[in-house]
Amino acid sequence: MSIALSQIKAATKAKSIQLEIAGVSVRLIPDDPALTLTIEGAAREFLINDCTPDIELTAAWGSVEEPRAPLLFDSGAVWKLFDINGDRLFSFNSPTLGTDPYKLAILNPEFTRGHVILNSNSFEKGAAIYPLEYPLDELIVLNWLALGRGVEMHSCGLIDSDGRGRLFAGQSGAGKTTTARLWENIDGVKILSDDRIILRKIGEEIWMHGTPWHGDAELASPAKARLDHIYFIKHGPENRLAELSKANAIARLFACSFPPFHSSEGLDFTLGFMSEVVASVHCAELTFTPTREAVDFINGMIE
């Protein structure tokens, strides 16, 4: 299959969808009169009015087959990443939808312009479609961020009742969703996400942003806050806070990040950014019990 982003014509801007995630504006434009766009789930909370986008994408129905190109990365799940003459091609497969990919997305190396091809044999004819359905929206944004702009984290992020930004980082099972549920009904608390948070630098400060890619608690918000505290969480029999060396904190942050493993430049940026975060934000290991006492313990430590 031969695909070149430069050969894809410009589309009209009718019936477009525009999102903003962590300050990154993404515009999606239908490039096919037979394609009806919709938007699903938490992504609706991130809709914005039309403005000049950071990333502009078109979408259309088409004939799709497995790419014949150098493989850059295999997620081991639904997507793979290929190199198409310097452009980046994401291929999405599902056993329930046959052997051919159900969707392709080709983007320029800067991740500012791209085109999504939907396999017409994989979807119900005439159905409204969200071409950026997870994980494509996340992949595009995190690769754009990795070009010196920010990092996505496995974490629960919240703004407490005093306006402080707190990040609870950990892999699956560490307690991110549990943490979100402990805090969500407290007056004045805003949960940005129970699973995925984006960190960006604004001026000399590190800020955290909510994302639509939530966990089991299904909590997501487009809000943001300056990051004041980072906790590396784990379950335990008692509530306890342990200080960390800067090197340990950097290593733990990196382990909870989503670096672009296919890009050495992106990996270098991510590691450097983690060093900046640790230099400006207090980091500690938090062992906690799944009770309201954990919230009181943290508030008591800060006060």
Protein backbone atom coordinates (compact mmCIF):
# COMPACT_ATOMS: atom_id res chain seq x y z
CA MET A 1 0.00 0.00 0.00
CA SER A 2 1.38 3.41 -0.95
CA ILE A 3 0.43 6.31 1.31
CA ALA A 4 1.87 9.81 1.24
CA LEU A 5 0.59 12.57 3.48
CA SER A 6 1.64 15.18 0.92
CA GLN A 7 -0.82 13.69 -1.58
CA ILE A 8 -3.85 14.07 0.68
CA LYS A 9 -5.96 17.01 -0.41
CA ALA A 10 -7.09 19.76 1.92
CA ALA A 11 -10.59 19.24 3.23
CA THR A 12 -13.38 21.69 3.82
CA LYS A 13 -13.87 22.83 7.41
CA ALA A 14 -17.57 22.01 7.53
CA LYS A 15 -18.86 19.94 10.45
CA SER A 16 -15.47 19.78 12.10
CA ILE A 17 -14.73 18.79 15.69
CA GLN A 18 -12.20 20.66 17.80
CA LEU A 19 -10.77 19.57 21.15
CA GLU A 20 -8.27 21.03 23.56
CA ILE A 21 -6.32 18.64 25.79
CA ALA A 22 -3.61 20.06 28.07
CA GLY A 23 -3.51 23.23 25.99
CA VAL A 24 -3.11 21.25 22.75
CA SER A 25 -5.83 22.08 20.24
CA VAL A 26 -6.80 19.33 17.80
CA ARG A 27 -9.13 19.92 14.85
CA LEU A 28 -10.76 16.99 13.02
CA ILE A 29 -12.34 17.66 9.62
CA PRO A 30 -14.40 15.19 7.54
CA ASP A 31 -12.88 14.69 4.10
CA ASP A 32 -15.68 12.48 2.81
CA PRO A 33 -19.34 13.41 2.22
CA ALA A 34 -20.33 9.93 3.42
CA LEU A 35 -18.59 10.39 6.79
CA THR A 36 -20.60 11.71 9.73
CA LEU A 37 -18.50 12.68 12.73
CA THR A 38 -19.48 12.22 16.34
CA ILE A 39 -17.62 12.46 19.62
CA GLU A 40 -17.74 9.95 22.43
CA GLY A 41 -17.38 9.68 26.19
CA ALA A 42 -15.23 12.01 28.25
CA ALA A 43 -13.82 13.65 25.11
CA ARG A 44 -17.03 15.72 24.98
CA GLU A 45 -15.79 17.65 28.01
CA PHE A 46 -12.80 18.80 25.98
CA LEU A 47 -14.70 20.33 23.04
CA ILE A 48 -13.86 23.95 22.29
CA ASN A 49 -14.94 26.61 19.82
CA ASP A 50 -13.09 26.77 16.52
CA CYS A 51 -9.62 28.33 16.67
CA THR A 52 -6.25 27.90 14.98
CA PRO A 53 -5.25 24.34 15.91
CA ASP A 54 -1.90 22.92 16.94
CA ILE A 55 -2.83 19.68 15.19
CA GLU A 56 -5.15 19.45 12.15
CA LEU A 57 -6.48 16.10 10.97
CA THR A 58 -8.78 14.97 8.18
CA ALA A 59 -10.74 11.73 8.07
CA ALA A 60 -12.40 9.65 5.35
CA TRP A 61 -13.65 6.18 4.53
CA GLY A 62 -11.29 4.06 2.48
CA SER A 63 -9.85 0.70 1.56
CA VAL A 64 -7.38 -0.42 4.23
CA GLU A 65 -4.77 -3.17 4.31
CA GLU A 66 -1.78 -4.02 6.49
CA PRO A 67 1.05 -1.51 5.87
CA ARG A 68 4.18 -2.70 4.07
CA ALA A 69 6.71 -0.40 5.65
CA PRO A 70 9.43 -0.40 8.32
CA LEU A 71 7.94 -1.14 11.74
CA LEU A 72 8.97 1.37 14.40
CA PHE A 73 6.98 0.06 17.35
CA ASP A 74 4.49 -2.71 18.18
CA SER A 75 2.34 -1.99 21.23
CA GLY A 76 1.45 -5.65 21.59
CA ALA A 77 -2.18 -4.55 21.73
CA VAL A 78 -4.29 -2.88 19.04
CA TRP A 79 -1.76 -0.54 17.40
CA LYS A 80 1.55 -0.51 15.56
CA LEU A 81 3.66 2.39 14.32
CA PHE A 82 5.36 2.43 10.90
CA ASP A 83 7.72 4.75 9.04
CA ILE A 84 6.31 5.93 5.70
CA ASN A 85 9.08 7.96 4.05
CA GLY A 86 9.57 9.99 7.21
CA ASP A 87 5.88 10.28 8.06
CA ARG A 88 4.38 8.24 10.90
CA LEU A 89 1.65 5.68 10.25
CA PHE A 90 -0.44 4.17 13.05
CA SER A 91 -2.25 0.93 12.20
CA PHE A 92 -5.10 -0.37 14.38
CA ASN A 93 -6.24 -4.00 14.40
CA SER A 94 -8.85 -5.95 16.32
CA PRO A 95 -9.54 -9.70 16.06
CA THR A 96 -13.27 -8.97 16.14
CA LEU A 97 -13.01 -6.81 12.99
CA GLY A 98 -11.06 -9.15 10.73
CA THR A 99 -7.44 -9.43 9.63
CA ASP A 100 -7.10 -6.02 7.97
CA PRO A 101 -6.64 -2.87 10.06
CA TYR A 102 -9.87 -1.14 10.97
CA LYS A 103 -8.17 2.24 10.91
CA LEU A 104 -4.96 3.93 9.74
CA ALA A 105 -3.65 7.34 10.73
CA ILE A 106 -0.74 8.98 8.95
CA LEU A 107 0.93 12.08 10.40
CA ASN A 108 3.86 14.28 9.53
CA PRO A 109 7.01 13.99 11.70
CA GLU A 110 5.98 17.10 13.67
CA PHE A 111 2.57 15.57 14.49
CA THR A 112 0.85 18.77 13.39
CA ARG A 113 -1.00 17.45 10.33
CA GLY A 114 -2.49 14.09 9.49
CA HIS A 115 -5.17 11.97 7.88
CA VAL A 116 -7.28 9.13 9.28
CA ILE A 117 -8.52 6.36 6.98
CA LEU A 118 -11.45 4.31 8.27
CA ASN A 119 -11.91 0.82 6.87
CA SER A 120 -15.39 0.84 5.34
CA ASN A 121 -15.65 -2.91 5.93
CA SER A 122 -15.10 -2.59 9.68
CA PHE A 123 -17.91 -0.24 10.66
CA GLU A 124 -21.67 -0.16 10.32
CA LYS A 125 -22.67 1.58 7.12
CA GLY A 126 -24.04 5.07 7.75
CA ALA A 127 -23.05 5.10 11.43
CA ALA A 128 -21.65 8.27 12.97
CA ILE A 129 -17.97 7.71 13.78
CA TYR A 130 -15.40 9.24 16.11
CA PRO A 131 -12.20 8.70 14.08
CA LEU A 132 -9.96 9.71 16.99
CA GLU A 133 -11.36 7.01 19.26
CA TYR A 134 -8.91 5.98 22.01
CA PRO A 135 -6.05 5.27 21.76
CA LEU A 136 -5.51 7.36 18.60
CA ASP A 137 -6.30 10.71 20.24
CA GLU A 138 -3.88 9.90 23.06
CA LEU A 139 -1.13 8.72 20.70
CA ILE A 140 -1.28 11.88 18.62
CA VAL A 141 -1.23 14.22 21.61
CA LEU A 142 1.54 12.43 23.52
CA ASN A 143 3.79 12.30 20.43
CA TRP A 144 3.20 16.03 19.84
CA LEU A 145 4.08 16.68 23.49
CA ALA A 146 7.25 14.56 23.27
CA LEU A 147 8.73 17.10 20.85
CA GLY A 148 9.84 19.24 23.79
CA ARG A 149 6.42 20.20 25.11
CA GLY A 150 5.29 17.88 27.92
CA VAL A 151 4.81 14.37 29.25
CA GLU A 152 1.81 12.16 29.98
CA MET A 153 1.78 10.30 33.29
CA HIS A 154 0.11 7.21 34.76
CA SER A 155 -1.43 9.12 37.65
CA CYS A 156 -4.43 10.52 39.43
CA GLY A 157 -4.37 14.29 39.58
CA LEU A 158 -6.52 16.57 41.69
CA ILE A 159 -6.88 20.12 42.93
CA ASP A 160 -7.52 20.18 46.66
CA SER A 161 -9.88 22.55 48.46
CA ASP A 162 -7.02 25.03 48.95
CA GLY A 163 -6.18 25.06 45.24
CA ARG A 164 -3.04 22.94 45.52
CA GLY A 165 -2.23 20.54 42.71
CA ARG A 166 -1.50 17.00 43.83
CA LEU A 167 -0.34 14.14 41.65
CA PHE A 168 -0.65 10.51 42.79
CA ALA A 169 1.54 8.45 40.47
CA GLY A 170 1.66 4.69 40.06
CA GLN A 171 1.24 1.80 37.67
CA SER A 172 -1.94 -0.27 37.40
CA GLY A 173 -2.99 -1.55 40.81
CA ALA A 174 -1.08 1.08 42.78
CA GLY A 175 -4.28 2.81 43.89
CA LYS A 176 -4.98 5.68 41.50
CA THR A 177 -8.71 4.97 41.16
CA THR A 178 -8.97 4.27 44.89
CA THR A 179 -7.32 7.62 45.59
CA ALA A 180 -9.69 9.45 43.23
CA ARG A 181 -12.71 7.94 44.95
CA LEU A 182 -11.41 8.91 48.40
CA TRP A 183 -11.14 12.55 47.34
CA GLU A 184 -13.94 13.06 44.81
CA ASN A 185 -16.77 13.87 47.23
CA ILE A 186 -14.80 16.30 49.38
CA ASP A 187 -16.05 19.89 49.09
CA GLY A 188 -13.84 22.03 46.91
CA VAL A 189 -11.85 19.15 45.43
CA LYS A 190 -11.59 18.79 41.64
CA ILE A 191 -10.44 15.49 40.13
CA LEU A 192 -8.59 16.07 36.84
CA SER A 193 -8.25 12.37 36.03
CA ASP A 194 -8.16 9.07 37.88
CA ASP A 195 -5.59 7.58 35.48
CA ARG A 196 -3.82 9.89 32.99
CA ILE A 197 -2.40 13.36 33.64
CA ILE A 198 -0.29 15.56 31.37
CA LEU A 199 2.54 17.66 32.81
CA ARG A 200 3.70 20.81 31.03
CA LYS A 201 5.93 23.71 31.93
CA ILE A 202 4.32 27.15 32.01
CA GLY A 203 6.93 29.83 32.63
CA GLU A 204 9.11 28.40 35.38
CA GLU A 205 6.35 26.26 36.93
CA ILE A 206 5.17 22.71 36.31
CA TRP A 207 1.44 22.44 35.66
CA MET A 208 -0.76 19.37 35.48
CA HIS A 209 -3.68 18.98 33.11
CA GLY A 210 -6.65 16.65 33.07
CA THR A 211 -7.21 14.31 30.12
CA PRO A 212 -10.19 12.38 28.71
CA TRP A 213 -8.36 9.04 29.18
CA HIS A 214 -9.79 8.05 32.55
CA GLY A 215 -9.67 4.86 34.58
CA ASP A 216 -12.35 2.80 36.29
CA ALA A 217 -13.72 5.79 38.21
CA GLU A 218 -14.42 7.53 34.86
CA LEU A 219 -13.30 10.90 36.21
CA ALA A 220 -11.95 13.40 33.67
CA SER A 221 -11.75 17.18 33.50
CA PRO A 222 -10.11 19.71 31.14
CA ALA A 223 -9.02 21.79 34.15
CA LYS A 224 -5.40 22.42 35.09
CA ALA A 225 -3.42 23.43 38.17
CA ARG A 226 0.10 24.24 39.22
CA LEU A 227 1.70 21.07 40.52
CA ASP A 228 2.66 21.35 44.20
CA HIS A 229 3.12 17.75 45.38
CA ILE A 230 3.87 14.36 43.81
CA TYR A 231 3.16 11.13 45.67
CA PHE A 232 4.29 7.70 44.45
CA ILE A 233 1.50 5.59 45.88
CA LYS A 234 1.16 2.04 47.11
CA HIS A 235 -1.32 0.22 49.32
CA GLY A 236 -0.29 -0.62 52.86
CA PRO A 237 -1.53 -1.36 56.40
CA GLU A 238 -0.96 2.22 57.56
CA ASN A 239 -0.59 5.72 56.18
CA ARG A 240 3.06 6.68 55.85
CA LEU A 241 5.10 9.22 53.90
CA ALA A 242 8.75 8.59 52.98
CA GLU A 243 11.11 11.12 51.42
CA LEU A 244 12.96 10.16 48.23
CA SER A 245 16.30 11.07 46.75
CA LYS A 246 16.13 13.12 43.56
CA ALA A 247 17.56 10.23 41.54
CA ASN A 248 14.95 7.84 42.93
CA ALA A 249 12.15 10.31 42.23
CA ILE A 250 13.31 10.83 38.63
CA ALA A 251 13.46 7.08 38.04
CA ARG A 252 9.97 6.59 39.47
CA LEU A 253 8.52 9.43 37.43
CA PHE A 254 10.02 8.01 34.25
CA ALA A 255 8.59 4.57 35.08
CA CYS A 256 5.12 6.14 35.33
CA SER A 257 5.44 8.16 32.12
CA PHE A 258 4.44 7.43 28.51
CA PRO A 259 7.67 8.08 26.60
CA PRO A 260 7.81 7.54 22.83
CA PHE A 261 10.04 4.46 22.78
CA HIS A 262 10.43 4.75 19.01
CA SER A 263 12.13 8.15 19.33
CA SER A 264 15.54 8.66 20.96
CA GLU A 265 14.94 12.42 20.97
CA GLY A 266 11.60 11.93 22.70
CA LEU A 267 13.16 9.66 25.30
CA ASP A 268 15.92 12.18 26.00
CA PHE A 269 13.38 14.98 26.37
CA THR A 270 11.21 12.91 28.72
CA LEU A 271 14.13 12.10 31.01
CA GLY A 272 15.28 15.71 31.04
CA PHE A 273 11.77 16.93 31.76
CA MET A 274 11.50 14.50 34.69
CA SER A 275 14.65 16.09 36.14
CA GLU A 276 13.05 19.54 35.85
CA VAL A 277 9.90 18.32 37.58
CA VAL A 278 11.80 16.80 40.51
CA ALA A 279 13.89 19.96 40.87
CA SER A 280 10.80 22.12 41.38
CA VAL A 281 8.11 19.85 42.92
CA HIS A 282 8.19 18.01 46.26
CA CYS A 283 8.16 14.22 45.73
CA ALA A 284 7.56 11.45 48.28
CA GLU A 285 6.44 7.83 48.55
CA LEU A 286 2.95 7.49 50.02
CA THR A 287 1.81 4.25 51.58
CA PHE A 288 -1.91 4.53 52.25
CA THR A 289 -4.99 2.73 53.46
CA PRO A 290 -8.18 2.85 51.36
CA THR A 291 -10.00 5.02 53.91
CA ARG A 292 -10.77 8.69 54.49
CA GLU A 293 -7.97 8.61 57.05
CA ALA A 294 -5.52 8.67 54.14
CA VAL A 295 -6.92 12.04 53.03
CA ASP A 296 -6.73 13.42 56.56
CA PHE A 297 -3.16 12.12 56.85
CA ILE A 298 -2.04 13.92 53.69
CA ASN A 299 -3.78 17.15 54.65
CA GLY A 300 -2.20 16.97 58.08
CA MET A 301 1.27 16.51 56.63
CA ILE A 302 0.88 19.59 54.43
CA GLU A 303 -0.70 21.79 57.06
